[in-house]
C-alpha atoms as a PDB file:
ATOM      1  CA  ALA A   1     -68.132 -77.859  60.834  1.00  0.00           C
ATOM      2  CA  ASP A   2     -68.106 -77.977  57.111  1.00  0.00           C
ATOM      3  CA  ALA A   3     -69.500 -74.377  56.799  1.00  0.00           C
ATOM      4  CA  ARG A   4     -66.764 -73.163  59.179  1.00  0.00           C
ATOM      5  CA  ARG A   5     -64.064 -75.006  57.223  1.00  0.00           C
ATOM      6  CA  ALA A   6     -65.465 -73.514  53.899  1.00  0.00           C
ATOM      7  CA  ALA A   7     -65.423 -70.056  55.459  1.00  0.00           C
ATOM      8  CA  LEU A   8     -61.699 -70.490  56.529  1.00  0.00           C
ATOM      9  CA  GLU A   9     -60.778 -71.736  53.113  1.00  0.00           C
ATOM     10  CA  ALA A  10     -62.586 -68.840  51.554  1.00  0.00           C
ATOM     11  CA  GLU A  11     -60.790 -66.410  53.868  1.00  0.00           C
ATOM     12  CA  GLU A  12     -57.372 -68.011  53.080  1.00  0.00           C
ATOM     13  CA  GLU A  13     -58.125 -67.901  49.365  1.00  0.00           C
ATOM     14  CA  GLY A  14     -58.937 -64.247  49.621  1.00  0.00           C
ATOM     15  CA  LYS A  15     -55.662 -63.569  51.438  1.00  0.00           C
ATOM     16  CA  VAL A  16     -53.675 -65.446  48.694  1.00  0.00           C
ATOM     17  CA  ARG A  17     -55.443 -63.550  46.001  1.00  0.00           C
ATOM     18  CA  ALA A  18     -54.672 -60.249  47.680  1.00  0.00           C
ATOM     19  CA  PHE A  19     -51.035 -61.181  48.109  1.00  0.00           C
ATOM     20  CA  ASN A  20     -50.783 -62.301  44.460  1.00  0.00           C
ATOM     21  CA  ALA A  21     -52.326 -58.958  43.327  1.00  0.00           C
ATOM     22  CA  ARG A  22     -49.769 -57.032  45.356  1.00  0.00           C
ATOM     23  CA  VAL A  23     -46.827 -59.062  43.995  1.00  0.00           C
ATOM     24  CA  THR A  24     -48.143 -58.682  40.453  1.00  0.00           C
ATOM     25  CA  GLU A  25     -48.541 -54.850  40.918  1.00  0.00           C
ATOM     26  CA  ALA A  26     -45.067 -54.526  42.281  1.00  0.00           C
ATOM     27  CA  ALA A  27     -43.606 -56.456  39.477  1.00  0.00           C
ATOM     28  CA  ARG A  28     -45.414 -54.323  36.904  1.00  0.00           C
ATOM     29  CA  LYS A  29     -44.187 -51.218  38.537  1.00  0.00           C
ATOM     30  CA  ARG A  30     -40.596 -52.450  38.520  1.00  0.00           C
ATOM     31  CA  GLU A  31     -40.851 -53.285  34.821  1.00  0.00           C
ATOM     32  CA  GLU A  32     -42.064 -49.745  34.168  1.00  0.00           C
ATOM     33  CA  GLY A  33     -39.178 -48.349  36.199  1.00  0.00           C
ATOM     34  CA  ALA A  34     -41.447 -46.712  38.761  1.00  0.00           C
ATOM     35  CA  PRO A  35     -40.591 -47.184  42.432  1.00  0.00           C
ATOM     36  CA  CYS A  36     -43.026 -49.444  44.238  1.00  0.00           C
ATOM     37  CA  SER A  37     -43.921 -47.003  47.005  1.00  0.00           C
ATOM     38  CA  ALA A  38     -43.534 -43.360  47.892  1.00  0.00           C
ATOM     39  CA  ASP A  39     -40.912 -44.417  50.532  1.00  0.00           C
ATOM     40  CA  GLY A  40     -39.117 -46.278  47.836  1.00  0.00           C
ATOM     41  CA  ALA A  41     -39.070 -43.240  45.627  1.00  0.00           C
ATOM     42  CA  ASP A  42     -37.658 -41.137  48.452  1.00  0.00           C
ATOM     43  CA  ALA A  43     -35.058 -43.706  49.214  1.00  0.00           C
ATOM     44  CA  LEU A  44     -34.079 -43.900  45.560  1.00  0.00           C
ATOM     45  CA  ARG A  45     -33.731 -40.022  45.393  1.00  0.00           C
ATOM     46  CA  GLU A  46     -31.563 -40.103  48.418  1.00  0.00           C
ATOM     47  CA  LYS A  47     -29.379 -42.700  47.033  1.00  0.00           C
ATOM     48  CA  LEU A  48     -29.039 -40.910  43.738  1.00  0.00           C
ATOM     49  CA  SER A  49     -28.214 -37.614  45.357  1.00  0.00           C
ATOM     50  CA  ALA A  50     -25.604 -39.292  47.598  1.00  0.00           C
ATOM     51  CA  ALA A  51     -24.054 -40.960  44.531  1.00  0.00           C
ATOM     52  CA  ASP A  52     -23.953 -37.658  42.762  1.00  0.00           C
ATOM     53  CA  ALA A  53     -22.219 -36.008  45.735  1.00  0.00           C
ATOM     54  CA  ARG A  54     -19.653 -38.716  45.963  1.00  0.00           C
ATOM     55  CA  ARG A  55     -18.987 -38.453  42.188  1.00  0.00           C
ATOM     56  CA  ALA A  56     -18.591 -34.717  42.360  1.00  0.00           C
ATOM     57  CA  ALA A  57     -16.208 -35.041  45.269  1.00  0.00           C
ATOM     58  CA  LEU A  58     -14.144 -37.678  43.392  1.00  0.00           C
ATOM     59  CA  GLU A  59     -14.092 -35.589  40.321  1.00  0.00           C
ATOM     60  CA  ALA A  60     -12.900 -32.551  42.273  1.00  0.00           C
ATOM     61  CA  GLU A  61     -10.216 -34.611  44.029  1.00  0.00           C
ATOM     62  CA  GLU A  62      -9.054 -36.070  40.768  1.00  0.00           C
ATOM     63  CA  GLU A  63      -8.997 -32.514  39.191  1.00  0.00           C
ATOM     64  CA  GLY A  64      -6.885 -31.359  42.123  1.00  0.00           C
ATOM     65  CA  LYS A  65      -4.433 -34.245  41.592  1.00  0.00           C
ATOM     66  CA  VAL A  66      -4.155 -33.493  37.856  1.00  0.00           C
ATOM     67  CA  ARG A  67      -3.522 -29.813  38.547  1.00  0.00           C
ATOM     68  CA  ALA A  68      -0.788 -30.621  41.032  1.00  0.00           C
ATOM     69  CA  PHE A  69       0.870 -33.043  38.673  1.00  0.00           C
ATOM     70  CA  ASN A  70       0.757 -30.571  35.850  1.00  0.00           C
ATOM     71  CA  ALA A  71       2.277 -27.880  38.031  1.00  0.00           C
ATOM     72  CA  ARG A  72       5.181 -30.255  39.020  1.00  0.00           C
ATOM     73  CA  VAL A  73       5.852 -31.194  35.429  1.00  0.00           C
ATOM     74  CA  THR A  74       5.776 -27.581  34.329  1.00  0.00           C
ATOM     75  CA  GLU A  75       8.121 -26.621  37.100  1.00  0.00           C
ATOM     76  CA  ALA A  76      10.493 -29.408  36.239  1.00  0.00           C
ATOM     77  CA  ALA A  77      10.432 -28.444  32.630  1.00  0.00           C
ATOM     78  CA  ARG A  78      11.108 -24.823  33.490  1.00  0.00           C
ATOM     79  CA  LYS A  79      14.050 -25.803  35.646  1.00  0.00           C
ATOM     80  CA  ARG A  80      15.556 -27.946  32.920  1.00  0.00           C
ATOM     81  CA  GLU A  81      15.164 -25.139  30.447  1.00  0.00           C
ATOM     82  CA  GLU A  82      17.033 -22.837  32.918  1.00  0.00           C
ATOM     83  CA  GLY A  83      19.728 -25.470  33.419  1.00  0.00           C
ATOM     84  CA  ALA A  84      18.914 -25.826  37.070  1.00  0.00           C
ATOM     85  CA  PRO A  85      18.807 -29.336  38.590  1.00  0.00           C
ATOM     86  CA  CYS A  86      15.265 -30.505  39.374  1.00  0.00           C
ATOM     87  CA  SER A  87      16.052 -31.735  42.936  1.00  0.00           C
ATOM     88  CA  ALA A  88      18.745 -31.421  45.673  1.00  0.00           C
ATOM     89  CA  ASP A  89      19.998 -34.909  44.726  1.00  0.00           C
ATOM     90  CA  GLY A  90      20.353 -33.680  41.133  1.00  0.00           C
ATOM     91  CA  ALA A  91      22.320 -30.608  42.352  1.00  0.00           C
ATOM     92  CA  ASP A  92      24.699 -32.771  44.320  1.00  0.00           C
ATOM     93  CA  ALA A  93      25.130 -35.147  41.374  1.00  0.00           C
ATOM     94  CA  LEU A  94      25.760 -32.189  39.038  1.00  0.00           C
ATOM     95  CA  ARG A  95      28.359 -30.708  41.444  1.00  0.00           C
ATOM     96  CA  GLU A  96      30.228 -34.054  41.579  1.00  0.00           C
ATOM     97  CA  LYS A  97      30.192 -34.282  37.691  1.00  0.00           C
ATOM     98  CA  LEU A  98      31.505 -30.766  37.356  1.00  0.00           C
ATOM     99  CA  SER A  99      34.217 -31.242  39.961  1.00  0.00           C
ATOM    100  CA  ALA A 100      35.298 -34.436  38.223  1.00  0.00           C
ATOM    101  CA  ALA A 101      35.408 -32.677  34.878  1.00  0.00           C
ATOM    102  CA  ASP A 102      37.443 -29.799  36.485  1.00  0.00           C
ATOM    103  CA  ALA A 103      39.857 -32.412  37.934  1.00  0.00           C
ATOM    104  CA  ARG A 104      40.288 -34.160  34.558  1.00  0.00           C
ATOM    105  CA  ARG A 105      40.837 -30.843  32.808  1.00  0.00           C
ATOM    106  CA  ALA A 106      43.407 -29.754  35.387  1.00  0.00           C
ATOM    107  CA  ALA A 107      45.277 -33.168  35.079  1.00  0.00           C
END
């Protein structure tokens, strides 16, 4: 019985040492910045490429928004320089002001 118990304790101790060795190796690899396994490296590459794709899509979307905004501002500036109102509401307001001014002038 003592021999059997000693064998089981030795086996358990071996398992603990192997586990500690795996944990220590994984910690060393993390500190060095290396992925812990080939699967981990592949997963990391996939995450990085997906992040790059999302970043590129967001940058393209933002660039499109900036270009559209710049086009609207440029068009509004051109219309102001030409004396045209920038919107239909602006045109109505301008007509009202001009007709009010004509009425005052006529009176």
